[in-house]
């Protein structure tokens, strides 16, 4: 009974259609699908290869352009470096030239200041005289002023004055401070005598009840150095201590029977005073 059933099942299986070809090959539909898939892969591969080739071509062109730009900038950088080297060499030379010219300029300034003061050795600067009081004959006015202030017997030699004028500035108002009066003496000895008499004069020198001062005429640079002594001179005047300023800026006065000398480095701070015994210069 079982043998008959097994025989029927085997016969049914034998009668079903086979998935394989008579020779054991895949069916035509599978072959076509595989061929289409392979064709798609080849097409995609070719497309990618073509895109890659185009990309490489574009990259090559861009790299070539960048290389040309780099070469141009490299040449420019080289030119700039060479120019900077030349400029540095020139700056070194200019620095040496500036140092030399600065040294020469300082020497010329000192020489000019010396010559400026040398041309003023016969000059006197009178401070405090009212404006236009010396007119119309300034030289005669100053001669009479000197005899009136210091006495007719103070001068053993004649007083000869070459020129008298006010400083080069606009005439101030009537209530303003008058301009200094510049007097050029014909003789250096008379000029020194006038300054010595003024420094030794007892009490203030007055003219029309106004106090006047006699100073040597100096260059602006020396005047700037002298201005550093203004406070010191005021205190020496208050203490009735005789002093004298020497060229270019050296203050000498007597203190406790000793000659004290100050030389200012600048207009603010003096050096340590040098003290020497002896009579004070006047």
Protein backbone atom coordinates (compact mmCIF):
# COMPACT_ATOMS: atom_id res chain seq x y z
CA UNK A 1 0.00 0.00 0.00
CA UNK A 2 2.77 2.44 0.83
CA UNK A 3 4.72 1.48 -2.24
CA UNK A 4 1.86 2.53 -4.52
CA UNK A 5 1.71 6.06 -2.87
CA UNK A 6 5.46 6.62 -3.18
CA UNK A 7 5.34 5.68 -6.84
CA UNK A 8 2.60 8.26 -7.52
CA UNK A 9 4.58 11.09 -5.78
CA UNK A 10 7.66 10.32 -7.77
CA UNK A 11 5.69 10.38 -11.00
CA UNK A 12 4.23 13.84 -10.17
CA UNK A 13 7.66 15.30 -9.48
CA UNK A 14 8.95 13.90 -12.69
CA UNK A 15 6.11 15.52 -14.64
CA UNK A 16 6.77 19.16 -13.17
CA UNK A 17 8.64 21.66 -15.48
CA UNK A 18 12.34 22.17 -14.70
CA UNK A 19 13.93 25.67 -13.84
CA UNK A 20 17.08 24.82 -15.64
CA UNK A 21 17.76 24.42 -19.28
CA UNK A 22 18.23 20.96 -20.69
CA UNK A 23 21.95 21.50 -20.44
CA UNK A 24 21.94 22.94 -16.83
CA UNK A 25 22.15 26.75 -17.74
CA UNK A 26 20.13 29.60 -16.08
CA UNK A 27 16.92 30.63 -17.70
CA UNK A 28 16.94 33.45 -20.30
CA UNK A 29 15.38 36.07 -17.95
CA UNK A 30 18.27 35.78 -15.43
CA UNK A 31 20.83 36.09 -18.20
CA UNK A 32 19.19 39.26 -19.48
CA UNK A 33 19.07 40.79 -16.01
CA UNK A 34 22.72 39.99 -15.43
CA UNK A 35 23.64 41.48 -18.78
CA UNK A 36 21.65 44.66 -18.04
CA UNK A 37 23.27 44.95 -14.61
CA UNK A 38 26.72 44.53 -16.09
CA UNK A 39 25.93 47.13 -18.76
CA UNK A 40 24.76 49.56 -16.08
CA UNK A 41 27.95 48.98 -14.12
CA UNK A 42 30.08 49.54 -17.22
CA UNK A 43 28.15 52.73 -18.07
CA UNK A 44 28.53 54.08 -14.52
CA UNK A 45 32.20 53.11 -14.57
CA UNK A 46 32.78 54.89 -17.85
CA UNK A 47 30.86 57.93 -16.63
CA UNK A 48 32.92 58.06 -13.43
CA UNK A 49 36.12 57.63 -15.40
CA UNK A 50 35.07 60.44 -17.72
CA UNK A 51 34.17 62.68 -14.75
CA UNK A 52 37.47 61.84 -13.10
CA UNK A 53 39.34 62.66 -16.29
CA UNK A 54 37.52 66.00 -16.59
CA UNK A 55 38.22 66.75 -12.92
CA UNK A 56 41.88 65.93 -13.37
CA UNK A 57 41.96 68.16 -16.42
CA UNK A 58 40.32 71.04 -14.51
CA UNK A 59 42.61 70.51 -11.53
CA UNK A 60 45.62 70.49 -13.81
CA UNK A 61 44.57 73.79 -15.37
CA UNK A 62 43.88 75.33 -11.94
CA UNK A 63 47.20 74.07 -10.58
CA UNK A 64 48.99 75.49 -13.61
CA UNK A 65 47.33 78.86 -13.02
CA UNK A 66 48.22 78.74 -9.32
CA UNK A 67 51.78 77.82 -10.19
CA UNK A 68 52.04 80.79 -12.52
CA UNK A 69 50.63 83.04 -9.78
CA UNK A 70 53.08 81.60 -7.24
CA UNK A 71 55.95 82.17 -9.66
CA UNK A 72 54.87 85.79 -10.20
CA UNK A 73 54.55 86.42 -6.45
CA UNK A 74 57.83 84.67 -5.84
CA UNK A 75 59.51 87.03 -8.27
CA UNK A 76 57.85 90.00 -6.62
CA UNK A 77 58.90 88.79 -3.16
CA UNK A 78 62.45 88.39 -4.39
CA UNK A 79 62.38 91.93 -5.77
CA UNK A 80 60.99 93.25 -2.48
CA UNK A 81 63.67 91.42 -0.49
CA UNK A 82 66.37 92.88 -2.70
CA UNK A 83 64.79 96.33 -2.39
CA UNK A 84 64.60 95.98 1.41
CA UNK A 85 68.24 94.96 1.51
CA UNK A 86 69.20 98.02 -0.52
CA UNK A 87 66.97 100.20 1.69
CA UNK A 88 68.55 98.83 4.87
CA UNK A 89 71.99 99.55 3.47
CA UNK A 90 70.88 103.07 2.59
CA UNK A 91 69.39 103.56 6.08
CA UNK A 92 72.66 102.52 7.66
CA UNK A 93 74.44 105.07 5.52
CA UNK A 94 71.79 107.71 6.29
CA UNK A 95 72.11 107.00 10.00
CA UNK A 96 75.84 107.62 9.83
CA UNK A 97 75.22 110.78 7.80
CA UNK A 98 72.61 112.03 10.29
CA UNK A 99 74.96 111.39 13.20
CA UNK A 100 77.75 113.26 11.44
CA UNK A 101 75.47 116.15 10.47
CA UNK A 102 74.06 116.31 14.00
CA UNK A 103 77.54 116.58 15.42
CA UNK A 104 78.48 119.24 12.88
CA UNK A 105 75.21 121.10 13.56
CA UNK A 106 75.89 121.17 17.30
CA UNK A 107 79.39 122.48 16.66
CA UNK A 108 78.02 125.13 14.28
CA UNK A 109 75.33 126.14 16.81
CA UNK A 110 77.98 126.62 19.47
CA UNK A 111 80.14 128.59 17.06
CA UNK A 112 77.17 130.70 15.98
CA UNK A 113 76.19 131.36 19.57
CA UNK A 114 79.77 132.32 20.37
CA UNK A 115 79.91 134.72 17.41
CA UNK A 116 76.49 136.12 18.31
CA UNK A 117 77.69 136.89 21.83
CA UNK A 118 81.00 138.21 20.53
CA UNK A 119 79.20 140.81 18.42
CA UNK A 120 77.32 141.93 21.54
CA UNK A 121 80.37 142.54 23.72
CA UNK A 122 79.89 146.33 23.50
CA UNK A 123 76.09 146.16 24.06
CA UNK A 124 74.09 147.03 27.16
CA UNK A 125 70.45 146.19 27.70
CA UNK A 126 68.52 148.68 29.84
CA UNK A 127 65.27 147.39 31.31
CA UNK A 128 62.44 149.53 32.66
CA UNK A 129 62.79 152.80 30.76
CA UNK A 130 59.40 154.15 29.62
CA UNK A 131 58.66 153.93 25.92
CA UNK A 132 59.94 156.77 23.69
CA UNK A 133 61.61 158.53 26.62
CA UNK A 134 64.91 158.42 24.70
CA UNK A 135 63.53 160.29 21.68
CA UNK A 136 64.41 162.31 19.66
CA UNK A 137 68.16 161.83 20.31
CA UNK A 138 68.62 158.39 21.89
CA UNK A 139 72.42 158.50 22.10
CA UNK A 140 72.49 161.86 23.88
CA UNK A 141 69.72 160.69 26.19
CA UNK A 142 71.69 157.61 27.27
CA UNK A 143 74.85 159.65 27.85
CA UNK A 144 72.97 162.04 30.11
CA UNK A 145 71.21 159.11 31.82
CA UNK A 146 74.50 157.44 32.72
CA UNK A 147 75.96 160.63 34.19
CA UNK A 148 72.74 161.32 36.07
CA UNK A 149 72.46 157.82 37.53
CA UNK A 150 76.12 157.11 38.35
CA UNK A 151 77.36 160.65 38.87
CA UNK A 152 79.27 163.04 36.62
CA UNK A 153 82.65 161.94 38.02
CA UNK A 154 82.07 158.20 37.54
CA UNK A 155 83.50 158.22 34.02
CA UNK A 156 87.10 159.26 33.51
CA UNK A 157 86.84 158.65 29.76
CA UNK A 158 84.33 160.11 27.33
CA UNK A 159 81.09 158.22 26.81
CA UNK A 160 80.70 157.50 23.11
CA UNK A 161 77.58 155.63 21.98
CA UNK A 162 77.34 154.20 18.48
CA UNK A 163 73.68 153.20 18.39
CA UNK A 164 70.55 153.08 20.56
CA UNK A 165 67.25 151.35 19.73
CA UNK A 166 64.46 149.32 21.26
CA UNK A 167 64.19 145.58 20.75
CA UNK A 168 62.48 144.41 17.58
CA UNK A 169 58.89 144.10 18.78
CA UNK A 170 55.66 145.98 18.38
CA UNK A 171 55.34 149.04 20.56
CA UNK A 172 53.32 148.01 23.61
CA UNK A 173 50.33 149.95 25.00
CA UNK A 174 50.96 152.76 27.44
CA UNK A 175 50.06 150.62 30.47
CA UNK A 176 52.16 147.62 29.35
CA UNK A 177 55.73 146.70 30.18
CA UNK A 178 58.15 148.77 28.03
CA UNK A 179 60.55 147.14 25.60
CA UNK A 180 64.23 146.86 26.58
CA UNK A 181 66.56 149.54 25.27
CA UNK A 182 69.67 148.27 23.48
CA UNK A 183 72.75 150.49 23.70
CA UNK A 184 75.91 149.83 21.70
CA UNK A 185 78.88 151.49 23.37
CA UNK A 186 81.87 152.52 21.30
CA UNK A 187 84.29 151.23 23.93
CA UNK A 188 84.23 147.82 25.62
CA UNK A 189 85.92 149.39 28.68
CA UNK A 190 83.10 151.91 29.09
CA UNK A 191 80.53 149.15 28.71
CA UNK A 192 82.21 147.10 31.46
CA UNK A 193 82.44 150.19 33.64
CA UNK A 194 78.71 150.84 33.29
CA UNK A 195 77.86 147.25 34.22
CA UNK A 196 80.25 147.35 37.17
CA UNK A 197 78.78 150.62 38.44
CA UNK A 198 75.27 149.18 38.10
CA UNK A 199 76.19 146.03 40.05
CA UNK A 200 77.82 148.06 42.83
CA UNK A 201 75.08 150.69 43.02
CA UNK A 202 73.63 151.01 46.51
CA UNK A 203 69.90 150.54 46.36
CA UNK A 204 67.68 150.44 43.28
CA UNK A 205 68.46 152.59 40.25
CA UNK A 206 65.51 154.89 39.60
CA UNK A 207 64.45 157.05 36.69
CA UNK A 208 61.21 158.99 36.91
CA UNK A 209 60.51 157.02 40.08
CA UNK A 210 60.69 153.79 38.05
CA UNK A 211 63.30 151.15 38.71
CA UNK A 212 65.64 150.40 35.82
CA UNK A 213 68.24 147.65 35.35
CA UNK A 214 71.45 147.39 33.37
CA UNK A 215 72.36 144.01 31.89
CA UNK A 216 74.84 142.75 29.32
CA UNK A 217 73.25 141.96 25.97
CA UNK A 218 73.52 138.22 25.26
CA UNK A 219 72.25 135.76 22.66
CA UNK A 220 68.83 134.08 23.10
CA UNK A 221 70.48 130.78 24.06
CA UNK A 222 72.59 132.36 26.79
CA UNK A 223 69.55 134.35 27.94
CA UNK A 224 67.66 131.08 28.29
CA UNK A 225 70.46 129.68 30.45
CA UNK A 226 70.57 132.85 32.51
CA UNK A 227 66.84 132.65 33.14
CA UNK A 228 67.48 129.51 35.19
CA UNK A 229 69.12 131.75 37.79
CA UNK A 230 66.16 134.12 38.14
CA UNK A 231 64.96 132.73 41.46
CA UNK A 232 68.49 132.50 42.84
CA UNK A 233 69.31 136.08 41.82
CA UNK A 234 66.11 137.33 43.45
CA UNK A 235 67.07 135.72 46.75
CA UNK A 236 70.62 137.05 46.50
CA UNK A 237 69.22 140.55 45.90
CA UNK A 238 66.99 140.18 48.95
CA UNK A 239 70.00 139.12 51.02
CA UNK A 240 72.11 142.04 49.65
CA UNK A 241 74.69 139.60 48.30
CA UNK A 242 76.75 140.79 45.33
CA UNK A 243 76.90 138.32 42.47
CA UNK A 244 77.91 138.16 38.84
CA UNK A 245 76.94 136.00 35.87
CA UNK A 246 79.74 134.91 33.59
CA UNK A 247 79.67 133.39 30.13
CA UNK A 248 77.97 131.20 29.35
CA UNK A 249 75.98 130.58 32.54
CA UNK A 250 78.13 130.64 35.66
CA UNK A 251 76.91 132.41 38.79
CA UNK A 252 79.55 133.61 41.25
CA UNK A 253 78.99 135.28 44.62
CA UNK A 254 80.69 135.57 48.00
CA UNK A 255 79.45 133.50 50.93
CA UNK A 256 81.22 133.29 54.27
CA UNK A 257 84.37 134.84 52.76
CA UNK A 258 84.43 132.25 50.05
CA UNK A 259 83.72 132.51 46.33
CA UNK A 260 80.82 130.23 45.41
CA UNK A 261 80.31 129.24 41.78
CA UNK A 262 77.26 127.55 40.28
CA UNK A 263 77.19 126.11 36.77
CA UNK A 264 73.78 124.99 35.56
CA UNK A 265 73.48 121.85 33.45
CA UNK A 266 70.01 122.96 32.35
CA UNK A 267 67.50 125.56 33.38
CA UNK A 268 66.11 123.48 36.24
CA UNK A 269 68.85 121.65 38.16
CA UNK A 270 72.23 123.10 39.17
CA UNK A 271 75.37 121.06 39.67
CA UNK A 272 77.10 120.89 43.05
CA UNK A 273 78.57 124.34 43.66
CA UNK A 274 82.32 124.72 43.55
CA UNK A 275 83.76 126.78 46.40
CA UNK A 276 87.04 128.64 46.24
CA UNK A 277 88.56 131.27 48.51
CA UNK A 278 89.28 134.74 47.21
CA UNK A 279 87.62 138.04 46.48
CA UNK A 280 84.39 138.06 44.52
CA UNK A 281 84.54 139.21 40.92
CA UNK A 282 82.50 142.26 40.17
